[in-house]
ModelCIF file with pLDDT and N, C-alpha, C, O atoms, coordinates in Angstrom:
data_MODEL
#
_entry.id   MODEL 
#
_entity.id                         1 
_entity.type                       polymer 
_entity.pdbx_number_of_molecules   1 
#
_entity_poly.entity_id                      1 
_entity_poly.type                           'polypeptide(L)' 
_entity_poly.nstd_linkage                   no 
_entity_poly.nstd_monomer                   no 
_entity_poly.pdbx_seq_one_letter_code       AQADKVLGLERDMKRKQLQLLVRIKNALTTEQQDRLRNLRAREGNG 
_entity_poly.pdbx_seq_one_letter_code_can   AQADKVLGLERDMKRKQLQLLVRIKNALTTEQQDRLRNLRAREGNG 
_entity_poly.pdbx_strand_id                 A 
#
loop_
_entity_poly_seq.entity_id 
_entity_poly_seq.num 
_entity_poly_seq.mon_id 
_entity_poly_seq.hetero 
1 1  ALA n 
1 2  GLN n 
1 3  ALA n 
1 4  ASP n 
1 5  LYS n 
1 6  VAL n 
1 7  LEU n 
1 8  GLY n 
1 9  LEU n 
1 10 GLU n 
1 11 ARG n 
1 12 ASP n 
1 13 MET n 
1 14 LYS n 
1 15 ARG n 
1 16 LYS n 
1 17 GLN n 
1 18 LEU n 
1 19 GLN n 
1 20 LEU n 
1 21 LEU n 
1 22 VAL n 
1 23 ARG n 
1 24 ILE n 
1 25 LYS n 
1 26 ASN n 
1 27 ALA n 
1 28 LEU n 
1 29 THR n 
1 30 THR n 
1 31 GLU n 
1 32 GLN n 
1 33 GLN n 
1 34 ASP n 
1 35 ARG n 
1 36 LEU n 
1 37 ARG n 
1 38 ASN n 
1 39 LEU n 
1 40 ARG n 
1 41 ALA n 
1 42 ARG n 
1 43 GLU n 
1 44 GLY n 
1 45 ASN n 
1 46 GLY n 
#
_struct_asym.id          A 
_struct_asym.entity_id   1 
#
loop_
_ma_qa_metric.id 
_ma_qa_metric.mode 
_ma_qa_metric.name 
_ma_qa_metric.software_group_id 
_ma_qa_metric.type 
1 global pLDDT . pLDDT 
2 local  pLDDT . pLDDT 
#
_ma_qa_metric_global.metric_id      1 
_ma_qa_metric_global.metric_value   93.48 
_ma_qa_metric_global.model_id       1 
_ma_qa_metric_global.ordinal_id     1 
#
loop_
_ma_qa_metric_local.label_asym_id 
_ma_qa_metric_local.label_comp_id 
_ma_qa_metric_local.label_seq_id 
_ma_qa_metric_local.metric_id 
_ma_qa_metric_local.metric_value 
_ma_qa_metric_local.model_id 
_ma_qa_metric_local.ordinal_id 
A ALA 1  2 97.00 1 1  
A GLN 2  2 97.00 1 2  
A ALA 3  2 97.00 1 3  
A ASP 4  2 97.00 1 4  
A LYS 5  2 97.00 1 5  
A VAL 6  2 97.00 1 6  
A LEU 7  2 97.00 1 7  
A GLY 8  2 97.00 1 8  
A LEU 9  2 97.00 1 9  
A GLU 10 2 97.00 1 10 
A ARG 11 2 97.00 1 11 
A ASP 12 2 97.00 1 12 
A MET 13 2 97.00 1 13 
A LYS 14 2 96.00 1 14 
A ARG 15 2 97.00 1 15 
A LYS 16 2 97.00 1 16 
A GLN 17 2 96.00 1 17 
A LEU 18 2 96.00 1 18 
A GLN 19 2 97.00 1 19 
A LEU 20 2 97.00 1 20 
A LEU 21 2 97.00 1 21 
A VAL 22 2 97.00 1 22 
A ARG 23 2 97.00 1 23 
A ILE 24 2 98.00 1 24 
A LYS 25 2 97.00 1 25 
A ASN 26 2 97.00 1 26 
A ALA 27 2 97.00 1 27 
A LEU 28 2 98.00 1 28 
A THR 29 2 97.00 1 29 
A THR 30 2 97.00 1 30 
A GLU 31 2 97.00 1 31 
A GLN 32 2 97.00 1 32 
A GLN 33 2 97.00 1 33 
A ASP 34 2 96.00 1 34 
A ARG 35 2 96.00 1 35 
A LEU 36 2 96.00 1 36 
A ARG 37 2 94.00 1 37 
A ASN 38 2 94.00 1 38 
A LEU 39 2 93.00 1 39 
A ARG 40 2 91.00 1 40 
A ALA 41 2 90.00 1 41 
A ARG 42 2 89.00 1 42 
A GLU 43 2 86.00 1 43 
A GLY 44 2 76.00 1 44 
A ASN 45 2 50.00 1 45 
A GLY 46 2 49.00 1 46 
#
loop_
_atom_site.group_PDB 
_atom_site.id 
_atom_site.type_symbol 
_atom_site.label_atom_id 
_atom_site.label_alt_id 
_atom_site.label_comp_id 
_atom_site.label_asym_id 
_atom_site.label_entity_id 
_atom_site.label_seq_id 
_atom_site.pdbx_PDB_ins_code 
_atom_site.Cartn_x 
_atom_site.Cartn_y 
_atom_site.Cartn_z 
_atom_site.occupancy 
_atom_site.B_iso_or_equiv 
_atom_site.pdbx_formal_charge 
_atom_site.auth_seq_id 
_atom_site.auth_comp_id 
_atom_site.auth_asym_id 
_atom_site.auth_atom_id 
_atom_site.pdbx_PDB_model_num 
ATOM 1   N N  . ALA A 1 1  ? -19.992 -108.473 -115.398 1.00 97.00 ? 1  ALA A N  1 
ATOM 2   C CA . ALA A 1 1  ? -21.361 -109.009 -115.439 1.00 97.00 ? 1  ALA A CA 1 
ATOM 3   C C  . ALA A 1 1  ? -21.491 -110.193 -114.490 1.00 97.00 ? 1  ALA A C  1 
ATOM 4   O O  . ALA A 1 1  ? -22.491 -110.322 -113.784 1.00 97.00 ? 1  ALA A O  1 
ATOM 5   N N  . GLN A 1 2  ? -20.475 -111.059 -114.476 1.00 97.00 ? 2  GLN A N  1 
ATOM 6   C CA . GLN A 1 2  ? -20.519 -112.211 -113.574 1.00 97.00 ? 2  GLN A CA 1 
ATOM 7   C C  . GLN A 1 2  ? -20.395 -111.755 -112.123 1.00 97.00 ? 2  GLN A C  1 
ATOM 8   O O  . GLN A 1 2  ? -21.056 -112.302 -111.241 1.00 97.00 ? 2  GLN A O  1 
ATOM 9   N N  . ALA A 1 3  ? -19.554 -110.760 -111.875 1.00 97.00 ? 3  ALA A N  1 
ATOM 10  C CA . ALA A 1 3  ? -19.421 -110.216 -110.519 1.00 97.00 ? 3  ALA A CA 1 
ATOM 11  C C  . ALA A 1 3  ? -20.755 -109.628 -110.058 1.00 97.00 ? 3  ALA A C  1 
ATOM 12  O O  . ALA A 1 3  ? -21.124 -109.764 -108.892 1.00 97.00 ? 3  ALA A O  1 
ATOM 13  N N  . ASP A 1 4  ? -21.471 -108.982 -110.964 1.00 97.00 ? 4  ASP A N  1 
ATOM 14  C CA . ASP A 1 4  ? -22.794 -108.450 -110.616 1.00 97.00 ? 4  ASP A CA 1 
ATOM 15  C C  . ASP A 1 4  ? -23.743 -109.563 -110.189 1.00 97.00 ? 4  ASP A C  1 
ATOM 16  O O  . ASP A 1 4  ? -24.554 -109.376 -109.282 1.00 97.00 ? 4  ASP A O  1 
ATOM 17  N N  . LYS A 1 5  ? -23.647 -110.712 -110.837 1.00 97.00 ? 5  LYS A N  1 
ATOM 18  C CA . LYS A 1 5  ? -24.489 -111.855 -110.460 1.00 97.00 ? 5  LYS A CA 1 
ATOM 19  C C  . LYS A 1 5  ? -24.142 -112.331 -109.052 1.00 97.00 ? 5  LYS A C  1 
ATOM 20  O O  . LYS A 1 5  ? -25.029 -112.620 -108.249 1.00 97.00 ? 5  LYS A O  1 
ATOM 21  N N  . VAL A 1 6  ? -22.846 -112.409 -108.763 1.00 97.00 ? 6  VAL A N  1 
ATOM 22  C CA . VAL A 1 6  ? -22.409 -112.842 -107.429 1.00 97.00 ? 6  VAL A CA 1 
ATOM 23  C C  . VAL A 1 6  ? -22.866 -111.828 -106.380 1.00 97.00 ? 6  VAL A C  1 
ATOM 24  O O  . VAL A 1 6  ? -23.395 -112.206 -105.335 1.00 97.00 ? 6  VAL A O  1 
ATOM 25  N N  . LEU A 1 7  ? -22.663 -110.551 -106.659 1.00 97.00 ? 7  LEU A N  1 
ATOM 26  C CA . LEU A 1 7  ? -23.046 -109.510 -105.708 1.00 97.00 ? 7  LEU A CA 1 
ATOM 27  C C  . LEU A 1 7  ? -24.565 -109.443 -105.537 1.00 97.00 ? 7  LEU A C  1 
ATOM 28  O O  . LEU A 1 7  ? -25.050 -109.143 -104.446 1.00 97.00 ? 7  LEU A O  1 
ATOM 29  N N  . GLY A 1 8  ? -25.308 -109.715 -106.591 1.00 97.00 ? 8  GLY A N  1 
ATOM 30  C CA . GLY A 1 8  ? -26.763 -109.757 -106.482 1.00 97.00 ? 8  GLY A CA 1 
ATOM 31  C C  . GLY A 1 8  ? -27.226 -110.864 -105.551 1.00 97.00 ? 8  GLY A C  1 
ATOM 32  O O  . GLY A 1 8  ? -28.161 -110.684 -104.770 1.00 97.00 ? 8  GLY A O  1 
ATOM 33  N N  . LEU A 1 9  ? -26.562 -112.011 -105.641 1.00 97.00 ? 9  LEU A N  1 
ATOM 34  C CA . LEU A 1 9  ? -26.897 -113.121 -104.743 1.00 97.00 ? 9  LEU A CA 1 
ATOM 35  C C  . LEU A 1 9  ? -26.523 -112.784 -103.303 1.00 97.00 ? 9  LEU A C  1 
ATOM 36  O O  . LEU A 1 9  ? -27.238 -113.147 -102.369 1.00 97.00 ? 9  LEU A O  1 
ATOM 37  N N  . GLU A 1 10 ? -25.402 -112.090 -103.127 1.00 97.00 ? 10 GLU A N  1 
ATOM 38  C CA . GLU A 1 10 ? -25.009 -111.666 -101.782 1.00 97.00 ? 10 GLU A CA 1 
ATOM 39  C C  . GLU A 1 10 ? -26.062 -110.714 -101.207 1.00 97.00 ? 10 GLU A C  1 
ATOM 40  O O  . GLU A 1 10 ? -26.415 -110.804 -100.031 1.00 97.00 ? 10 GLU A O  1 
ATOM 41  N N  . ARG A 1 11 ? -26.556 -109.807 -102.046 1.00 97.00 ? 11 ARG A N  1 
ATOM 42  C CA . ARG A 1 11 ? -27.619 -108.892 -101.625 1.00 97.00 ? 11 ARG A CA 1 
ATOM 43  C C  . ARG A 1 11 ? -28.864 -109.674 -101.215 1.00 97.00 ? 11 ARG A C  1 
ATOM 44  O O  . ARG A 1 11 ? -29.483 -109.380 -100.193 1.00 97.00 ? 11 ARG A O  1 
ATOM 45  N N  . ASP A 1 12 ? -29.224 -110.671 -102.022 1.00 97.00 ? 12 ASP A N  1 
ATOM 46  C CA . ASP A 1 12 ? -30.398 -111.486 -101.717 1.00 97.00 ? 12 ASP A CA 1 
ATOM 47  C C  . ASP A 1 12 ? -30.234 -112.212 -100.383 1.00 97.00 ? 12 ASP A C  1 
ATOM 48  O O  . ASP A 1 12 ? -31.193 -112.355 -99.624  1.00 97.00 ? 12 ASP A O  1 
ATOM 49  N N  . MET A 1 13 ? -29.011 -112.669 -100.104 1.00 97.00 ? 13 MET A N  1 
ATOM 50  C CA . MET A 1 13 ? -28.757 -113.353 -98.835  1.00 97.00 ? 13 MET A CA 1 
ATOM 51  C C  . MET A 1 13 ? -28.921 -112.387 -97.664  1.00 97.00 ? 13 MET A C  1 
ATOM 52  O O  . MET A 1 13 ? -29.541 -112.726 -96.656  1.00 97.00 ? 13 MET A O  1 
ATOM 53  N N  . LYS A 1 14 ? -28.371 -111.200 -97.799  1.00 96.00 ? 14 LYS A N  1 
ATOM 54  C CA . LYS A 1 14 ? -28.486 -110.214 -96.718  1.00 96.00 ? 14 LYS A CA 1 
ATOM 55  C C  . LYS A 1 14 ? -29.943 -109.804 -96.519  1.00 96.00 ? 14 LYS A C  1 
ATOM 56  O O  . LYS A 1 14 ? -30.383 -109.599 -95.388  1.00 96.00 ? 14 LYS A O  1 
ATOM 57  N N  . ARG A 1 15 ? -30.679 -109.686 -97.601  1.00 97.00 ? 15 ARG A N  1 
ATOM 58  C CA . ARG A 1 15 ? -32.100 -109.341 -97.507  1.00 97.00 ? 15 ARG A CA 1 
ATOM 59  C C  . ARG A 1 15 ? -32.866 -110.443 -96.775  1.00 97.00 ? 15 ARG A C  1 
ATOM 60  O O  . ARG A 1 15 ? -33.714 -110.162 -95.928  1.00 97.00 ? 15 ARG A O  1 
ATOM 61  N N  . LYS A 1 16 ? -32.564 -111.681 -97.104  1.00 97.00 ? 16 LYS A N  1 
ATOM 62  C CA . LYS A 1 16 ? -33.227 -112.816 -96.452  1.00 97.00 ? 16 LYS A CA 1 
ATOM 63  C C  . LYS A 1 16 ? -32.890 -112.836 -94.958  1.00 97.00 ? 16 LYS A C  1 
ATOM 64  O O  . LYS A 1 16 ? -33.757 -113.125 -94.133  1.00 97.00 ? 16 LYS A O  1 
ATOM 65  N N  . GLN A 1 17 ? -31.647 -112.533 -94.609  1.00 96.00 ? 17 GLN A N  1 
ATOM 66  C CA . GLN A 1 17 ? -31.255 -112.486 -93.202  1.00 96.00 ? 17 GLN A CA 1 
ATOM 67  C C  . GLN A 1 17 ? -31.998 -111.373 -92.471  1.00 96.00 ? 17 GLN A C  1 
ATOM 68  O O  . GLN A 1 17 ? -32.459 -111.564 -91.345  1.00 96.00 ? 17 GLN A O  1 
ATOM 69  N N  . LEU A 1 18 ? -32.114 -110.216 -93.109  1.00 96.00 ? 18 LEU A N  1 
ATOM 70  C CA . LEU A 1 18 ? -32.846 -109.114 -92.497  1.00 96.00 ? 18 LEU A CA 1 
ATOM 71  C C  . LEU A 1 18 ? -34.324 -109.462 -92.354  1.00 96.00 ? 18 LEU A C  1 
ATOM 72  O O  . LEU A 1 18 ? -34.948 -109.137 -91.344  1.00 96.00 ? 18 LEU A O  1 
ATOM 73  N N  . GLN A 1 19 ? -34.873 -110.111 -93.352  1.00 97.00 ? 19 GLN A N  1 
ATOM 74  C CA . GLN A 1 19 ? -36.274 -110.518 -93.286  1.00 97.00 ? 19 GLN A CA 1 
ATOM 75  C C  . GLN A 1 19 ? -36.506 -111.443 -92.084  1.00 97.00 ? 19 GLN A C  1 
ATOM 76  O O  . GLN A 1 19 ? -37.505 -111.304 -91.378  1.00 97.00 ? 19 GLN A O  1 
ATOM 77  N N  . LEU A 1 20 ? -35.601 -112.367 -91.858  1.00 97.00 ? 20 LEU A N  1 
ATOM 78  C CA . LEU A 1 20 ? -35.713 -113.262 -90.708  1.00 97.00 ? 20 LEU A CA 1 
ATOM 79  C C  . LEU A 1 20 ? -35.708 -112.470 -89.407  1.00 97.00 ? 20 LEU A C  1 
ATOM 80  O O  . LEU A 1 20 ? -36.543 -112.701 -88.533  1.00 97.00 ? 20 LEU A O  1 
ATOM 81  N N  . LEU A 1 21 ? -34.775 -111.543 -89.278  1.00 97.00 ? 21 LEU A N  1 
ATOM 82  C CA . LEU A 1 21 ? -34.677 -110.761 -88.050  1.00 97.00 ? 21 LEU A CA 1 
ATOM 83  C C  . LEU A 1 21 ? -35.924 -109.897 -87.826  1.00 97.00 ? 21 LEU A C  1 
ATOM 84  O O  . LEU A 1 21 ? -36.357 -109.717 -86.688  1.00 97.00 ? 21 LEU A O  1 
ATOM 85  N N  . VAL A 1 22 ? -36.489 -109.374 -88.888  1.00 97.00 ? 22 VAL A N  1 
ATOM 86  C CA . VAL A 1 22 ? -37.721 -108.594 -88.773  1.00 97.00 ? 22 VAL A CA 1 
ATOM 87  C C  . VAL A 1 22 ? -38.877 -109.494 -88.332  1.00 97.00 ? 22 VAL A C  1 
ATOM 88  O O  . VAL A 1 22 ? -39.674 -109.108 -87.476  1.00 97.00 ? 22 VAL A O  1 
ATOM 89  N N  . ARG A 1 23 ? -38.968 -110.677 -88.908  1.00 97.00 ? 23 ARG A N  1 
ATOM 90  C CA . ARG A 1 23 ? -40.042 -111.607 -88.533  1.00 97.00 ? 23 ARG A CA 1 
ATOM 91  C C  . ARG A 1 23 ? -39.927 -112.019 -87.067  1.00 97.00 ? 23 ARG A C  1 
ATOM 92  O O  . ARG A 1 23 ? -40.929 -112.144 -86.362  1.00 97.00 ? 23 ARG A O  1 
ATOM 93  N N  . ILE A 1 24 ? -38.698 -112.224 -86.625  1.00 98.00 ? 24 ILE A N  1 
ATOM 94  C CA . ILE A 1 24 ? -38.499 -112.576 -85.213  1.00 98.00 ? 24 ILE A CA 1 
ATOM 95  C C  . ILE A 1 24 ? -38.956 -111.425 -84.325  1.00 98.00 ? 24 ILE A C  1 
ATOM 96  O O  . ILE A 1 24 ? -39.685 -111.638 -83.357  1.00 98.00 ? 24 ILE A O  1 
ATOM 97  N N  . LYS A 1 25 ? -38.534 -110.217 -84.647  1.00 97.00 ? 25 LYS A N  1 
ATOM 98  C CA . LYS A 1 25 ? -38.921 -109.063 -83.831  1.00 97.00 ? 25 LYS A CA 1 
ATOM 99  C C  . LYS A 1 25 ? -40.434 -108.904 -83.813  1.00 97.00 ? 25 LYS A C  1 
ATOM 100 O O  . LYS A 1 25 ? -41.019 -108.641 -82.763  1.00 97.00 ? 25 LYS A O  1 
ATOM 101 N N  . ASN A 1 26 ? -41.064 -109.059 -84.960  1.00 97.00 ? 26 ASN A N  1 
ATOM 102 C CA . ASN A 1 26 ? -42.511 -108.892 -85.041  1.00 97.00 ? 26 ASN A CA 1 
ATOM 103 C C  . ASN A 1 26 ? -43.282 -109.971 -84.284  1.00 97.00 ? 26 ASN A C  1 
ATOM 104 O O  . ASN A 1 26 ? -44.444 -109.770 -83.930  1.00 97.00 ? 26 ASN A O  1 
ATOM 105 N N  . ALA A 1 27 ? -42.651 -111.096 -84.037  1.00 97.00 ? 27 ALA A N  1 
ATOM 106 C CA . ALA A 1 27 ? -43.301 -112.168 -83.285  1.00 97.00 ? 27 ALA A CA 1 
ATOM 107 C C  . ALA A 1 27 ? -43.254 -111.915 -81.776  1.00 97.00 ? 27 ALA A C  1 
ATOM 108 O O  . ALA A 1 27 ? -43.971 -112.562 -81.013  1.00 97.00 ? 27 ALA A O  1 
ATOM 109 N N  . LEU A 1 28 ? -42.410 -110.975 -81.350  1.00 98.00 ? 28 LEU A N  1 
ATOM 110 C CA . LEU A 1 28 ? -42.227 -110.693 -79.930  1.00 98.00 ? 28 LEU A CA 1 
ATOM 111 C C  . LEU A 1 28 ? -43.065 -109.504 -79.488  1.00 98.00 ? 28 LEU A C  1 
ATOM 112 O O  . LEU A 1 28 ? -43.302 -108.572 -80.256  1.00 98.00 ? 28 LEU A O  1 
ATOM 113 N N  . THR A 1 29 ? -43.508 -109.552 -78.240  1.00 97.00 ? 29 THR A N  1 
ATOM 114 C CA . THR A 1 29 ? -44.199 -108.400 -77.670  1.00 97.00 ? 29 THR A CA 1 
ATOM 115 C C  . THR A 1 29 ? -43.165 -107.331 -77.304  1.00 97.00 ? 29 THR A C  1 
ATOM 116 O O  . THR A 1 29 ? -41.963 -107.596 -77.262  1.00 97.00 ? 29 THR A O  1 
ATOM 117 N N  . THR A 1 30 ? -43.654 -106.135 -77.046  1.00 97.00 ? 30 THR A N  1 
ATOM 118 C CA . THR A 1 30 ? -42.766 -105.044 -76.637  1.00 97.00 ? 30 THR A CA 1 
ATOM 119 C C  . THR A 1 30 ? -42.029 -105.412 -75.355  1.00 97.00 ? 30 THR A C  1 
ATOM 120 O O  . THR A 1 30 ? -40.838 -105.135 -75.216  1.00 97.00 ? 30 THR A O  1 
ATOM 121 N N  . GLU A 1 31 ? -42.738 -106.033 -74.422  1.00 97.00 ? 31 GLU A N  1 
ATOM 122 C CA . GLU A 1 31 ? -42.114 -106.432 -73.154  1.00 97.00 ? 31 GLU A CA 1 
ATOM 123 C C  . GLU A 1 31 ? -41.030 -107.475 -73.377  1.00 97.00 ? 31 GLU A C  1 
ATOM 124 O O  . GLU A 1 31 ? -39.974 -107.417 -72.747  1.00 97.00 ? 31 GLU A O  1 
ATOM 125 N N  . GLN A 1 32 ? -41.281 -108.426 -74.268  1.00 97.00 ? 32 GLN A N  1 
ATOM 126 C CA . GLN A 1 32 ? -40.275 -109.447 -74.562  1.00 97.00 ? 32 GLN A CA 1 
ATOM 127 C C  . GLN A 1 32 ? -39.044 -108.821 -75.222  1.00 97.00 ? 32 GLN A C  1 
ATOM 128 O O  . GLN A 1 32 ? -37.916 -109.227 -74.944  1.00 97.00 ? 32 GLN A O  1 
ATOM 129 N N  . GLN A 1 33 ? -39.256 -107.856 -76.076  1.00 97.00 ? 33 GLN A N  1 
ATOM 130 C CA . GLN A 1 33 ? -38.137 -107.164 -76.711  1.00 97.00 ? 33 GLN A CA 1 
ATOM 131 C C  . GLN A 1 33 ? -37.302 -106.422 -75.667  1.00 97.00 ? 33 GLN A C  1 
ATOM 132 O O  . GLN A 1 33 ? -36.072 -106.444 -75.719  1.00 97.00 ? 33 GLN A O  1 
ATOM 133 N N  . ASP A 1 34 ? -37.970 -105.771 -74.729  1.00 96.00 ? 34 ASP A N  1 
ATOM 134 C CA . ASP A 1 34 ? -37.256 -105.068 -73.650  1.00 96.00 ? 34 ASP A CA 1 
ATOM 135 C C  . ASP A 1 34 ? -36.445 -106.052 -72.826  1.00 96.00 ? 34 ASP A C  1 
ATOM 136 O O  . ASP A 1 34 ? -35.294 -105.780 -72.483  1.00 96.00 ? 34 ASP A O  1 
ATOM 137 N N  . ARG A 1 35 ? -37.042 -107.197 -72.505  1.00 96.00 ? 35 ARG A N  1 
ATOM 138 C CA . ARG A 1 35 ? -36.323 -108.225 -71.730  1.00 96.00 ? 35 ARG A CA 1 
ATOM 139 C C  . ARG A 1 35 ? -35.100 -108.722 -72.494  1.00 96.00 ? 35 ARG A C  1 
ATOM 140 O O  . ARG A 1 35 ? -34.032 -108.914 -71.915  1.00 96.00 ? 35 ARG A O  1 
ATOM 141 N N  . LEU A 1 36 ? -35.264 -108.925 -73.783  1.00 96.00 ? 36 LEU A N  1 
ATOM 142 C CA . LEU A 1 36 ? -34.141 -109.393 -74.603  1.00 96.00 ? 36 LEU A CA 1 
ATOM 143 C C  . LEU A 1 36 ? -33.006 -108.373 -74.625  1.00 96.00 ? 36 LEU A C  1 
ATOM 144 O O  . LEU A 1 36 ? -31.835 -108.744 -74.544  1.00 96.00 ? 36 LEU A O  1 
ATOM 145 N N  . ARG A 1 37 ? -33.345 -107.109 -74.733  1.00 94.00 ? 37 ARG A N  1 
ATOM 146 C CA . ARG A 1 37 ? -32.305 -106.075 -74.718  1.00 94.00 ? 37 ARG A CA 1 
ATOM 147 C C  . ARG A 1 37 ? -31.539 -106.125 -73.399  1.00 94.00 ? 37 ARG A C  1 
ATOM 148 O O  . ARG A 1 37 ? -30.312 -106.029 -73.384  1.00 94.00 ? 37 ARG A O  1 
ATOM 149 N N  . ASN A 1 38 ? -32.260 -106.275 -72.306  1.00 94.00 ? 38 ASN A N  1 
ATOM 150 C CA . ASN A 1 38 ? -31.616 -106.357 -70.991  1.00 94.00 ? 38 ASN A CA 1 
ATOM 151 C C  . ASN A 1 38 ? -30.756 -107.609 -70.872  1.00 94.00 ? 38 ASN A C  1 
ATOM 152 O O  . ASN A 1 38 ? -29.637 -107.547 -70.364  1.00 94.00 ? 38 ASN A O  1 
ATOM 153 N N  . LEU A 1 39 ? -31.268 -108.734 -71.333  1.00 93.00 ? 39 LEU A N  1 
ATOM 154 C CA . LEU A 1 39 ? -30.501 -109.981 -71.278  1.00 93.00 ? 39 LEU A CA 1 
ATOM 155 C C  . LEU A 1 39 ? -29.242 -109.877 -72.142  1.00 93.00 ? 39 LEU A C  1 
ATOM 156 O O  . LEU A 1 39 ? -28.169 -110.323 -71.737  1.00 93.00 ? 39 LEU A O  1 
ATOM 157 N N  . ARG A 1 40 ? -29.375 -109.302 -73.305  1.00 91.00 ? 40 ARG A N  1 
ATOM 158 C CA . ARG A 1 40 ? -28.224 -109.147 -74.201  1.00 91.00 ? 40 ARG A CA 1 
ATOM 159 C C  . ARG A 1 40 ? -27.168 -108.256 -73.563  1.00 91.00 ? 40 ARG A C  1 
ATOM 160 O O  . ARG A 1 40 ? -25.976 -108.550 -73.638  1.00 91.00 ? 40 ARG A O  1 
ATOM 161 N N  . ALA A 1 41 ? -27.601 -107.175 -72.939  1.00 90.00 ? 41 ALA A N  1 
ATOM 162 C CA . ALA A 1 41 ? -26.661 -106.257 -72.279  1.00 90.00 ? 41 ALA A CA 1 
ATOM 163 C C  . ALA A 1 41 ? -25.960 -106.954 -71.113  1.00 90.00 ? 41 ALA A C  1 
ATOM 164 O O  . ALA A 1 41 ? -24.752 -106.799 -70.930  1.00 90.00 ? 41 ALA A O  1 
ATOM 165 N N  . ARG A 1 42 ? -26.709 -107.714 -70.332  1.00 89.00 ? 42 ARG A N  1 
ATOM 166 C CA . ARG A 1 42 ? -26.115 -108.421 -69.184  1.00 89.00 ? 42 ARG A CA 1 
ATOM 167 C C  . ARG A 1 42 ? -25.120 -109.485 -69.618  1.00 89.00 ? 42 ARG A C  1 
ATOM 168 O O  . ARG A 1 42 ? -24.124 -109.726 -68.935  1.00 89.00 ? 42 ARG A O  1 
ATOM 169 N N  . GLU A 1 43 ? -25.386 -110.122 -70.752  1.00 86.00 ? 43 GLU A N  1 
ATOM 170 C CA . GLU A 1 43 ? -24.488 -111.179 -71.241  1.00 86.00 ? 43 GLU A CA 1 
ATOM 171 C C  . GLU A 1 43 ? -23.248 -110.594 -71.916  1.00 86.00 ? 43 GLU A C  1 
ATOM 172 O O  . GLU A 1 43 ? -22.309 -111.322 -72.241  1.00 86.00 ? 43 GLU A O  1 
ATOM 173 N N  . GLY A 1 44 ? -23.249 -109.292 -72.121  1.00 76.00 ? 44 GLY A N  1 
ATOM 174 C CA . GLY A 1 44 ? -22.103 -108.674 -72.765  1.00 76.00 ? 44 GLY A CA 1 
ATOM 175 C C  . GLY A 1 44 ? -22.064 -108.894 -74.253  1.00 76.00 ? 44 GLY A C  1 
ATOM 176 O O  . GLY A 1 44 ? -21.012 -108.745 -74.873  1.00 76.00 ? 44 GLY A O  1 
ATOM 177 N N  . ASN A 1 45 ? -23.207 -109.252 -74.852  1.00 50.00 ? 45 ASN A N  1 
ATOM 178 C CA . ASN A 1 45 ? -23.257 -109.450 -76.299  1.00 50.00 ? 45 ASN A CA 1 
ATOM 179 C C  . ASN A 1 45 ? -23.301 -108.126 -77.038  1.00 50.00 ? 45 ASN A C  1 
ATOM 180 O O  . ASN A 1 45 ? -23.279 -108.094 -78.268  1.00 50.00 ? 45 ASN A O  1 
ATOM 181 N N  . GLY A 1 46 ? -23.362 -107.040 -76.295  1.00 49.00 ? 46 GLY A N  1 
ATOM 182 C CA . GLY A 1 46 ? -23.372 -105.742 -76.951  1.00 49.00 ? 46 GLY A CA 1 
ATOM 183 C C  . GLY A 1 46 ? -24.551 -105.616 -77.872  1.00 49.00 ? 46 GLY A C  1 
ATOM 184 O O  . GLY A 1 46 ? -24.724 -104.580 -78.515  1.00 49.00 ? 46 GLY A O  1 
#
């Protein structure tokens, strides 16, 4: 039961992280997203 509480909080953290990434993407235009993909590829960030 206690492990479930810990794992639930871990889930909440991952959800919050995903929510942030979605909000960032939604704030960008399609062109900006394309530029970011190119910049990321050039920097070798995979």
